[in-house]
């Protein structure tokens, strides 16, 4: 695809300097967060590392909580 075949919106983006693109990206990202966007990654059930049983904010190691136990002098 040549530059002339690109949509006008893409041409406008490519004509911006790198600093202008960065500033535009910041504005777009701020708008995304304002609209309720999330920084959390989407779960990928097709990933070999995805484990539905361990996903989410659950109890750590099946216990109600974690606490530090000290025995003796430090």
Protein backbone atom coordinates (compact mmCIF):
# COMPACT_ATOMS: atom_id res chain seq x y z
CA UNK A 1 0.00 0.00 0.00
CA UNK A 2 1.46 3.36 -0.98
CA UNK A 3 1.10 6.65 0.87
CA UNK A 4 -1.44 7.86 -1.68
CA UNK A 5 -3.63 4.81 -1.06
CA UNK A 6 -3.80 5.37 2.69
CA UNK A 7 -6.95 6.82 4.27
CA UNK A 8 -6.77 10.56 5.04
CA UNK A 9 -6.77 9.91 8.79
CA UNK A 10 -3.65 7.76 8.49
CA UNK A 11 -1.93 10.35 6.32
CA UNK A 12 -2.62 13.04 8.95
CA UNK A 13 -1.11 10.78 11.61
CA UNK A 14 1.99 10.02 9.54
CA UNK A 15 2.50 13.72 8.77
CA UNK A 16 2.82 14.51 12.49
CA UNK A 17 6.25 14.71 14.06
CA UNK A 18 7.15 12.00 16.61
CA UNK A 19 6.60 14.48 19.47
CA UNK A 20 3.19 15.48 18.09
CA UNK A 21 2.23 11.81 17.78
CA UNK A 22 3.32 11.19 21.37
CA UNK A 23 1.19 14.11 22.61
CA UNK A 24 -1.80 12.91 20.60
CA UNK A 25 -1.32 9.41 22.03
CA UNK A 26 -1.32 10.85 25.56
CA UNK A 27 -4.62 12.61 24.88
CA UNK A 28 -6.16 9.48 23.37
CA UNK A 29 -4.96 7.37 26.31
CA UNK A 30 -6.35 9.87 28.85
CA UNK A 31 -9.70 9.79 27.05
CA UNK A 32 -9.63 5.97 27.07
CA UNK A 33 -9.12 5.93 30.85
CA UNK A 34 -11.83 8.58 31.36
CA UNK A 35 -14.28 6.41 29.44
CA UNK A 36 -13.61 3.52 31.83
CA UNK A 37 -10.77 1.79 30.03
CA UNK A 38 -8.59 -0.52 32.06
CA UNK A 39 -4.86 -1.15 32.21
CA UNK A 40 -5.46 -4.77 33.23
CA UNK A 41 -4.64 -7.26 30.49
CA UNK A 42 -7.53 -9.17 29.00
CA UNK A 43 -7.54 -12.86 29.91
CA UNK A 44 -6.46 -15.12 27.08
CA UNK A 45 -8.11 -18.53 27.40
CA UNK A 46 -6.06 -19.81 24.46
CA UNK A 47 -2.77 -19.14 26.23
CA UNK A 48 -0.95 -22.19 27.61
CA UNK A 49 -0.28 -20.11 30.74
CA UNK A 50 -3.96 -19.36 31.39
CA UNK A 51 -5.34 -21.22 34.37
CA UNK A 52 -8.94 -20.31 35.13
CA UNK A 53 -8.67 -21.79 38.63
CA UNK A 54 -5.85 -19.46 39.65
CA UNK A 55 -6.98 -16.34 37.79
CA UNK A 56 -8.43 -13.43 39.69
CA UNK A 57 -8.00 -12.00 43.13
CA UNK A 58 -8.64 -14.98 45.32
CA UNK A 59 -7.34 -16.22 48.60
CA UNK A 60 -3.58 -16.71 48.72
CA UNK A 61 -2.67 -20.39 48.90
CA UNK A 62 -6.16 -21.30 50.08
CA UNK A 63 -5.75 -19.46 53.38
CA UNK A 64 -7.67 -16.53 54.74
CA UNK A 65 -4.63 -14.28 54.78
CA UNK A 66 -0.91 -14.07 55.18
CA UNK A 67 0.93 -12.98 58.28
CA UNK A 68 4.54 -12.87 59.23
CA UNK A 69 5.55 -15.01 62.18
CA UNK A 70 8.75 -14.29 64.00
CA UNK A 71 10.31 -16.79 66.29
CA UNK A 72 13.21 -15.79 68.43
CA UNK A 73 15.49 -12.83 68.04
CA UNK A 74 16.00 -11.14 64.76
